[in-house]
Amino acid sequence: MNRGKFRRRDRLVQEKRHDTYKEWEKWPEPTVCKLCSAVFTGGRWTWNQPPENAHYTICPACQRIKDKMPAGIIDIKGNFWKHHRDEILNLINNEAKLQKQAHPMERIMELEEGEDKIYITTTGVHIARRIGEALYRAYQGEFDFTYGDEEKSIRVFWKR
């Protein structure tokens, strides 16, 4: 029996997922973000001084913030949060500042506080994981993360 002749041809073909915020082509250099003034030069986004002859657009991080579509979500829960709120917020802000200086597309979008929890959204997966790891290094507790959508998003959980 020749399997090629009788093979099923009605199988589903998985399409590649479309990522709205992925840069499919290079931006013309230099390009400056209209909202945050990040500069695309040398194949990456930096915080350089914007040149005069630049093209203008909205960078992927600002576009995510505008669309309210986070790549990272951080859930911090527990009584420890309630009693050490200021310390934890300082740690989060320091880690975010370090990431933003080195990687302009990695930013905190929003912090939403509750009585015994905080919910943080980020523009990138790396900053979310780094914040979770920093919390775990500093205060131990329960730390877990889950990637979704073929590593285009992340959900970080920390509790103590």
N, C-alpha and C. Protein backbone atom coordinates (compact mmCIF):
# COMPACT_ATOMS: atom_id res chain seq x y z
N MET A 1 0.84 -1.18 0.00
CA MET A 1 0.00 0.00 0.00
C MET A 1 0.89 1.25 0.00
N ASN A 2 0.63 2.12 -0.90
CA ASN A 2 1.39 3.36 -1.01
C ASN A 2 0.72 4.42 -0.14
N ARG A 3 1.38 4.80 0.98
CA ARG A 3 0.77 5.74 1.93
C ARG A 3 0.61 7.14 1.33
N GLY A 4 1.46 7.53 0.42
CA GLY A 4 1.38 8.85 -0.17
C GLY A 4 0.10 9.07 -0.94
N LYS A 5 -0.40 8.05 -1.58
CA LYS A 5 -1.59 8.18 -2.39
C LYS A 5 -2.86 8.30 -1.55
N PHE A 6 -2.88 7.62 -0.39
CA PHE A 6 -4.09 7.59 0.43
C PHE A 6 -3.99 8.46 1.68
N ARG A 7 -2.98 9.32 1.76
CA ARG A 7 -2.78 10.17 2.93
C ARG A 7 -3.88 11.23 3.01
N ARG A 8 -4.29 11.55 4.24
CA ARG A 8 -5.31 12.59 4.43
C ARG A 8 -4.76 13.95 4.04
N ARG A 9 -5.56 14.71 3.38
CA ARG A 9 -5.13 16.04 2.95
C ARG A 9 -5.93 17.15 3.63
N ASP A 10 -6.76 16.78 4.59
CA ASP A 10 -7.59 17.79 5.25
C ASP A 10 -7.06 18.16 6.63
N ARG A 11 -5.76 18.02 6.84
CA ARG A 11 -5.19 18.33 8.14
C ARG A 11 -5.14 19.85 8.35
N LEU A 12 -5.14 20.25 9.61
CA LEU A 12 -5.05 21.66 9.95
C LEU A 12 -3.60 22.11 9.87
N VAL A 13 -3.37 23.23 9.28
CA VAL A 13 -2.04 23.80 9.21
C VAL A 13 -1.98 24.94 10.22
N GLN A 14 -1.02 24.85 11.13
CA GLN A 14 -0.87 25.89 12.13
C GLN A 14 -0.23 27.13 11.50
N GLU A 15 -0.90 28.24 11.59
CA GLU A 15 -0.33 29.48 11.09
C GLU A 15 0.60 30.06 12.14
N LYS A 16 1.57 30.84 11.69
CA LYS A 16 2.43 31.54 12.63
C LYS A 16 1.60 32.60 13.33
N ARG A 17 1.84 32.77 14.63
CA ARG A 17 1.10 33.78 15.38
C ARG A 17 1.56 35.17 14.97
N HIS A 18 0.63 36.05 14.90
CA HIS A 18 0.94 37.42 14.55
C HIS A 18 1.21 38.21 15.83
N ASP A 19 2.36 38.83 15.93
CA ASP A 19 2.71 39.66 17.07
C ASP A 19 2.71 41.11 16.61
N THR A 20 1.74 41.87 17.06
CA THR A 20 1.56 43.25 16.65
C THR A 20 2.76 44.12 17.01
N TYR A 21 3.43 43.82 18.11
CA TYR A 21 4.48 44.70 18.61
C TYR A 21 5.87 44.25 18.20
N LYS A 22 5.98 43.18 17.46
CA LYS A 22 7.29 42.72 16.97
C LYS A 22 7.69 43.59 15.78
N GLU A 23 8.95 43.97 15.75
CA GLU A 23 9.45 44.78 14.65
C GLU A 23 9.83 43.85 13.51
N TRP A 24 9.07 43.87 12.44
CA TRP A 24 9.31 42.98 11.31
C TRP A 24 10.38 43.50 10.37
N GLU A 25 10.56 44.79 10.33
CA GLU A 25 11.62 45.36 9.52
C GLU A 25 12.34 46.40 10.36
N LYS A 26 13.53 46.77 9.93
CA LYS A 26 14.28 47.77 10.65
C LYS A 26 13.66 49.15 10.43
N TRP A 27 13.69 49.95 11.46
CA TRP A 27 13.26 51.33 11.34
C TRP A 27 14.33 52.09 10.54
N PRO A 28 13.94 53.14 9.82
CA PRO A 28 14.98 53.97 9.18
C PRO A 28 15.79 54.66 10.27
N GLU A 29 17.08 54.72 10.07
CA GLU A 29 17.93 55.30 11.11
C GLU A 29 18.29 56.73 10.77
N PRO A 30 18.29 57.61 11.70
CA PRO A 30 17.78 57.49 13.07
C PRO A 30 16.27 57.74 13.12
N THR A 31 15.60 57.04 14.02
CA THR A 31 14.17 57.23 14.27
C THR A 31 13.99 57.59 15.74
N VAL A 32 13.12 58.55 16.01
CA VAL A 32 12.88 59.02 17.37
C VAL A 32 11.42 58.79 17.72
N CYS A 33 11.16 58.30 18.94
CA CYS A 33 9.79 58.13 19.41
C CYS A 33 9.20 59.50 19.74
N LYS A 34 8.02 59.76 19.24
CA LYS A 34 7.34 61.03 19.49
C LYS A 34 6.97 61.21 20.95
N LEU A 35 6.73 60.11 21.67
CA LEU A 35 6.22 60.20 23.04
C LEU A 35 7.31 60.18 24.11
N CYS A 36 8.31 59.30 23.97
CA CYS A 36 9.31 59.16 25.03
C CYS A 36 10.70 59.63 24.63
N SER A 37 10.90 59.96 23.36
CA SER A 37 12.17 60.45 22.81
C SER A 37 13.28 59.39 22.77
N ALA A 38 12.91 58.11 22.83
CA ALA A 38 13.91 57.05 22.62
C ALA A 38 14.36 57.12 21.16
N VAL A 39 15.63 56.78 20.91
CA VAL A 39 16.20 56.90 19.57
C VAL A 39 16.58 55.51 19.07
N PHE A 40 16.11 55.18 17.85
CA PHE A 40 16.51 53.94 17.20
C PHE A 40 17.72 54.23 16.34
N THR A 41 18.85 53.70 16.75
CA THR A 41 20.08 53.88 16.00
C THR A 41 20.98 52.67 16.25
N GLY A 42 21.72 52.29 15.24
CA GLY A 42 22.60 51.14 15.38
C GLY A 42 21.85 49.83 15.56
N GLY A 43 20.60 49.77 15.11
CA GLY A 43 19.82 48.55 15.19
C GLY A 43 19.11 48.32 16.50
N ARG A 44 19.11 49.31 17.39
CA ARG A 44 18.41 49.15 18.68
C ARG A 44 17.94 50.49 19.22
N TRP A 45 17.00 50.42 20.16
CA TRP A 45 16.47 51.62 20.79
C TRP A 45 17.39 52.00 21.95
N THR A 46 17.75 53.29 22.04
CA THR A 46 18.62 53.80 23.10
C THR A 46 18.07 55.12 23.61
N TRP A 47 18.72 55.67 24.61
CA TRP A 47 18.35 56.97 25.15
C TRP A 47 19.32 58.05 24.69
N ASN A 48 19.85 57.95 23.51
CA ASN A 48 20.76 58.95 22.97
C ASN A 48 20.04 60.26 22.70
N GLN A 49 20.83 61.30 22.45
CA GLN A 49 20.27 62.60 22.09
C GLN A 49 19.66 62.50 20.69
N PRO A 50 18.40 62.93 20.50
CA PRO A 50 17.78 62.85 19.17
C PRO A 50 18.44 63.78 18.16
N PRO A 51 18.85 63.26 17.00
CA PRO A 51 19.44 64.12 15.97
C PRO A 51 18.36 64.95 15.25
N GLU A 52 18.79 65.95 14.53
CA GLU A 52 17.85 66.85 13.86
C GLU A 52 17.18 66.22 12.64
N ASN A 53 17.88 65.36 11.91
CA ASN A 53 17.34 64.81 10.66
C ASN A 53 16.64 63.46 10.87
N ALA A 54 16.03 63.26 12.02
CA ALA A 54 15.45 61.96 12.37
C ALA A 54 14.04 61.80 11.82
N HIS A 55 13.67 60.53 11.65
CA HIS A 55 12.28 60.17 11.36
C HIS A 55 11.56 60.06 12.71
N TYR A 56 10.26 60.26 12.73
CA TYR A 56 9.51 60.18 13.98
C TYR A 56 8.43 59.12 13.88
N THR A 57 8.27 58.38 14.96
CA THR A 57 7.25 57.33 15.05
C THR A 57 6.92 57.12 16.53
N ILE A 58 6.12 56.12 16.83
CA ILE A 58 5.85 55.73 18.21
C ILE A 58 6.55 54.39 18.42
N CYS A 59 7.40 54.31 19.44
CA CYS A 59 8.17 53.09 19.69
C CYS A 59 7.23 51.97 20.18
N PRO A 60 7.67 50.70 20.09
CA PRO A 60 6.81 49.59 20.51
C PRO A 60 6.38 49.67 21.98
N ALA A 61 7.24 50.17 22.87
CA ALA A 61 6.87 50.27 24.28
C ALA A 61 5.76 51.30 24.49
N CYS A 62 5.89 52.45 23.86
CA CYS A 62 4.84 53.48 23.98
C CYS A 62 3.54 53.01 23.34
N GLN A 63 3.66 52.25 22.26
CA GLN A 63 2.46 51.72 21.60
C GLN A 63 1.75 50.74 22.52
N ARG A 64 2.50 49.89 23.23
CA ARG A 64 1.89 48.95 24.19
C ARG A 64 1.19 49.71 25.31
N ILE A 65 1.83 50.77 25.80
CA ILE A 65 1.24 51.57 26.88
C ILE A 65 -0.04 52.23 26.38
N LYS A 66 0.00 52.78 25.18
CA LYS A 66 -1.16 53.44 24.58
C LYS A 66 -2.32 52.46 24.38
N ASP A 67 -1.99 51.23 23.92
CA ASP A 67 -3.01 50.21 23.67
C ASP A 67 -3.43 49.45 24.92
N LYS A 68 -2.73 49.67 26.03
CA LYS A 68 -2.97 48.94 27.28
C LYS A 68 -2.89 47.43 27.07
N MET A 69 -1.81 47.00 26.39
CA MET A 69 -1.57 45.58 26.10
C MET A 69 -0.22 45.16 26.69
N PRO A 70 -0.20 44.77 27.96
CA PRO A 70 1.08 44.43 28.58
C PRO A 70 1.67 43.12 28.07
N ALA A 71 2.99 43.05 28.11
CA ALA A 71 3.69 41.80 27.80
C ALA A 71 3.98 41.05 29.09
N GLY A 72 4.06 41.76 30.21
CA GLY A 72 4.33 41.14 31.50
C GLY A 72 3.32 41.57 32.53
N ILE A 73 2.93 40.62 33.37
CA ILE A 73 2.01 40.89 34.48
C ILE A 73 2.64 40.31 35.73
N ILE A 74 2.71 41.12 36.79
CA ILE A 74 3.29 40.69 38.06
C ILE A 74 2.21 40.77 39.13
N ASP A 75 1.98 39.66 39.82
CA ASP A 75 1.04 39.59 40.94
C ASP A 75 1.83 39.43 42.23
N ILE A 76 1.71 40.39 43.14
CA ILE A 76 2.37 40.32 44.44
C ILE A 76 1.27 40.28 45.48
N LYS A 77 1.27 39.23 46.30
CA LYS A 77 0.20 39.06 47.28
C LYS A 77 0.78 38.70 48.64
N GLY A 78 -0.07 38.81 49.66
CA GLY A 78 0.30 38.37 51.00
C GLY A 78 0.35 39.50 52.00
N ASN A 79 0.37 39.12 53.27
CA ASN A 79 0.44 40.09 54.36
C ASN A 79 1.77 40.83 54.38
N PHE A 80 2.81 40.18 53.90
CA PHE A 80 4.13 40.81 53.86
C PHE A 80 4.09 42.10 53.05
N TRP A 81 3.36 42.07 51.94
CA TRP A 81 3.21 43.27 51.09
C TRP A 81 2.61 44.41 51.90
N LYS A 82 1.60 44.11 52.68
CA LYS A 82 0.90 45.15 53.43
C LYS A 82 1.83 45.83 54.44
N HIS A 83 2.72 45.06 55.07
CA HIS A 83 3.58 45.60 56.12
C HIS A 83 4.89 46.19 55.58
N HIS A 84 5.30 45.82 54.37
CA HIS A 84 6.56 46.31 53.81
C HIS A 84 6.34 46.98 52.45
N ARG A 85 5.24 47.66 52.32
CA ARG A 85 4.85 48.27 51.06
C ARG A 85 5.92 49.19 50.49
N ASP A 86 6.42 50.12 51.31
CA ASP A 86 7.39 51.11 50.82
C ASP A 86 8.70 50.46 50.38
N GLU A 87 9.17 49.48 51.16
CA GLU A 87 10.41 48.79 50.80
C GLU A 87 10.26 48.06 49.47
N ILE A 88 9.14 47.37 49.31
CA ILE A 88 8.91 46.60 48.08
C ILE A 88 8.77 47.54 46.88
N LEU A 89 8.05 48.64 47.05
CA LEU A 89 7.91 49.60 45.95
C LEU A 89 9.26 50.21 45.56
N ASN A 90 10.13 50.49 46.55
CA ASN A 90 11.47 50.99 46.25
C ASN A 90 12.27 49.97 45.46
N LEU A 91 12.19 48.71 45.86
CA LEU A 91 12.90 47.65 45.14
C LEU A 91 12.40 47.55 43.70
N ILE A 92 11.09 47.58 43.52
CA ILE A 92 10.49 47.51 42.18
C ILE A 92 10.93 48.70 41.33
N ASN A 93 10.85 49.90 41.89
CA ASN A 93 11.23 51.10 41.14
C ASN A 93 12.72 51.12 40.79
N ASN A 94 13.57 50.66 41.71
CA ASN A 94 15.01 50.61 41.41
C ASN A 94 15.30 49.61 40.30
N GLU A 95 14.67 48.45 40.34
CA GLU A 95 14.87 47.45 39.29
C GLU A 95 14.35 47.97 37.95
N ALA A 96 13.21 48.64 37.98
CA ALA A 96 12.63 49.21 36.75
C ALA A 96 13.54 50.30 36.18
N LYS A 97 14.12 51.12 37.05
CA LYS A 97 15.01 52.18 36.58
C LYS A 97 16.26 51.60 35.91
N LEU A 98 16.83 50.55 36.52
CA LEU A 98 18.00 49.90 35.92
C LEU A 98 17.67 49.31 34.55
N GLN A 99 16.53 48.65 34.45
CA GLN A 99 16.13 48.04 33.19
C GLN A 99 15.85 49.09 32.13
N LYS A 100 15.17 50.16 32.52
CA LYS A 100 14.82 51.21 31.56
C LYS A 100 16.05 51.91 31.01
N GLN A 101 17.08 52.11 31.84
CA GLN A 101 18.31 52.74 31.38
C GLN A 101 19.00 51.88 30.32
N ALA A 102 19.06 50.59 30.56
CA ALA A 102 19.77 49.69 29.64
C ALA A 102 18.91 49.28 28.45
N HIS A 103 17.61 49.15 28.65
CA HIS A 103 16.70 48.65 27.62
C HIS A 103 15.45 49.54 27.57
N PRO A 104 15.41 50.54 26.71
CA PRO A 104 14.30 51.48 26.68
C PRO A 104 12.92 50.86 26.43
N MET A 105 12.87 49.67 25.85
CA MET A 105 11.58 49.05 25.57
C MET A 105 11.04 48.23 26.75
N GLU A 106 11.78 48.18 27.86
CA GLU A 106 11.37 47.45 29.06
C GLU A 106 10.96 48.48 30.12
N ARG A 107 9.65 48.63 30.33
CA ARG A 107 9.15 49.65 31.27
C ARG A 107 7.96 49.12 32.06
N ILE A 108 7.71 49.76 33.18
CA ILE A 108 6.49 49.50 33.94
C ILE A 108 5.39 50.33 33.32
N MET A 109 4.25 49.70 33.07
CA MET A 109 3.12 50.41 32.50
C MET A 109 2.24 50.99 33.60
N GLU A 110 1.86 50.13 34.54
CA GLU A 110 0.89 50.55 35.55
C GLU A 110 1.06 49.74 36.82
N LEU A 111 0.84 50.37 37.96
CA LEU A 111 0.80 49.70 39.26
C LEU A 111 -0.60 49.88 39.83
N GLU A 112 -1.22 48.78 40.17
CA GLU A 112 -2.57 48.83 40.72
C GLU A 112 -2.54 48.17 42.10
N GLU A 113 -2.72 48.98 43.14
CA GLU A 113 -2.59 48.48 44.52
C GLU A 113 -3.93 48.09 45.10
N GLY A 114 -3.88 47.01 45.88
CA GLY A 114 -5.02 46.59 46.69
C GLY A 114 -4.58 46.54 48.15
N GLU A 115 -5.45 46.04 49.01
CA GLU A 115 -5.13 46.02 50.44
C GLU A 115 -3.96 45.08 50.74
N ASP A 116 -3.99 43.88 50.21
CA ASP A 116 -2.91 42.94 50.47
C ASP A 116 -2.30 42.40 49.17
N LYS A 117 -2.36 43.21 48.11
CA LYS A 117 -1.77 42.79 46.84
C LYS A 117 -1.43 44.01 45.98
N ILE A 118 -0.59 43.77 45.01
CA ILE A 118 -0.29 44.78 43.99
C ILE A 118 -0.22 44.05 42.66
N TYR A 119 -0.68 44.71 41.64
CA TYR A 119 -0.76 44.17 40.28
C TYR A 119 0.02 45.12 39.40
N ILE A 120 1.08 44.64 38.75
CA ILE A 120 1.96 45.48 37.94
C ILE A 120 1.95 44.96 36.51
N THR A 121 1.83 45.87 35.54
CA THR A 121 1.93 45.49 34.13
C THR A 121 3.18 46.13 33.55
N THR A 122 3.82 45.40 32.61
CA THR A 122 5.07 45.87 32.01
C THR A 122 5.00 45.76 30.50
N THR A 123 5.88 46.49 29.83
CA THR A 123 5.93 46.47 28.37
C THR A 123 6.76 45.32 27.83
N GLY A 124 7.54 44.67 28.67
CA GLY A 124 8.39 43.57 28.22
C GLY A 124 8.39 42.40 29.19
N VAL A 125 8.78 41.24 28.71
CA VAL A 125 8.81 40.04 29.55
C VAL A 125 10.02 40.05 30.47
N HIS A 126 11.12 40.65 30.04
CA HIS A 126 12.36 40.59 30.82
C HIS A 126 12.26 41.39 32.11
N ILE A 127 11.68 42.57 32.05
CA ILE A 127 11.56 43.39 33.25
C ILE A 127 10.64 42.73 34.28
N ALA A 128 9.59 42.08 33.82
CA ALA A 128 8.67 41.41 34.74
C ALA A 128 9.39 40.29 35.48
N ARG A 129 10.13 39.49 34.75
CA ARG A 129 10.86 38.39 35.39
C ARG A 129 11.94 38.93 36.32
N ARG A 130 12.64 39.97 35.91
CA ARG A 130 13.70 40.54 36.75
C ARG A 130 13.14 41.09 38.05
N ILE A 131 11.97 41.72 38.01
CA ILE A 131 11.36 42.23 39.23
C ILE A 131 10.98 41.06 40.15
N GLY A 132 10.40 40.01 39.59
CA GLY A 132 10.05 38.83 40.39
C GLY A 132 11.28 38.20 41.02
N GLU A 133 12.36 38.08 40.26
CA GLU A 133 13.60 37.50 40.78
C GLU A 133 14.20 38.38 41.87
N ALA A 134 14.13 39.70 41.70
CA ALA A 134 14.66 40.63 42.71
C ALA A 134 13.87 40.50 44.02
N LEU A 135 12.55 40.38 43.92
CA LEU A 135 11.73 40.19 45.11
C LEU A 135 12.09 38.89 45.82
N TYR A 136 12.28 37.84 45.05
CA TYR A 136 12.62 36.55 45.64
C TYR A 136 14.00 36.58 46.30
N ARG A 137 14.98 37.22 45.65
CA ARG A 137 16.32 37.33 46.24
C ARG A 137 16.30 38.13 47.53
N ALA A 138 15.51 39.19 47.56
CA ALA A 138 15.50 40.08 48.72
C ALA A 138 14.67 39.53 49.88
N TYR A 139 13.52 38.91 49.58
CA TYR A 139 12.58 38.54 50.64
C TYR A 139 12.18 37.07 50.66
N GLN A 140 12.75 36.24 49.79
CA GLN A 140 12.38 34.84 49.62
C GLN A 140 10.88 34.74 49.32
N GLY A 141 10.16 33.86 49.94
CA GLY A 141 8.74 33.70 49.66
C GLY A 141 8.50 32.70 48.54
N GLU A 142 7.34 32.75 47.94
CA GLU A 142 6.97 31.86 46.84
C GLU A 142 7.05 32.64 45.54
N PHE A 143 7.84 32.14 44.62
CA PHE A 143 8.06 32.82 43.34
C PHE A 143 7.82 31.83 42.21
N ASP A 144 7.02 32.24 41.24
CA ASP A 144 6.74 31.40 40.08
C ASP A 144 6.44 32.31 38.89
N PHE A 145 6.68 31.80 37.70
CA PHE A 145 6.34 32.55 36.49
C PHE A 145 5.92 31.58 35.42
N THR A 146 5.09 32.08 34.51
CA THR A 146 4.58 31.27 33.41
C THR A 146 4.64 32.09 32.14
N TYR A 147 5.28 31.52 31.11
CA TYR A 147 5.30 32.17 29.80
C TYR A 147 4.05 31.75 29.03
N GLY A 148 3.55 32.63 28.21
CA GLY A 148 2.42 32.33 27.35
C GLY A 148 2.71 32.81 25.95
N ASP A 149 1.93 32.39 25.00
CA ASP A 149 2.06 32.85 23.61
C ASP A 149 3.48 32.72 23.09
N GLU A 150 4.06 31.56 23.21
CA GLU A 150 5.41 31.30 22.70
C GLU A 150 6.43 32.32 23.21
N GLU A 151 6.39 32.59 24.51
CA GLU A 151 7.32 33.48 25.20
C GLU A 151 7.18 34.95 24.78
N LYS A 152 6.01 35.36 24.33
CA LYS A 152 5.77 36.77 24.01
C LYS A 152 5.11 37.48 25.18
N SER A 153 4.71 36.72 26.21
CA SER A 153 4.12 37.29 27.41
C SER A 153 4.53 36.45 28.61
N ILE A 154 4.44 37.05 29.79
CA ILE A 154 4.81 36.35 31.01
C ILE A 154 3.89 36.78 32.14
N ARG A 155 3.63 35.87 33.03
CA ARG A 155 2.86 36.15 34.25
C ARG A 155 3.73 35.73 35.42
N VAL A 156 4.04 36.66 36.30
CA VAL A 156 4.91 36.42 37.44
C VAL A 156 4.08 36.48 38.71
N PHE A 157 4.32 35.49 39.61
CA PHE A 157 3.62 35.44 40.89
C PHE A 157 4.65 35.46 42.00
N TRP A 158 4.45 36.33 42.99
CA TRP A 158 5.29 36.33 44.17
C TRP A 158 4.39 36.54 45.38
N LYS A 159 4.62 35.73 46.41
CA LYS A 159 3.77 35.79 47.60
C LYS A 159 4.62 35.50 48.83
N ARG A 160 4.31 36.23 49.88
CA ARG A 160 4.92 35.95 51.18
C ARG A 160 4.02 36.49 52.26
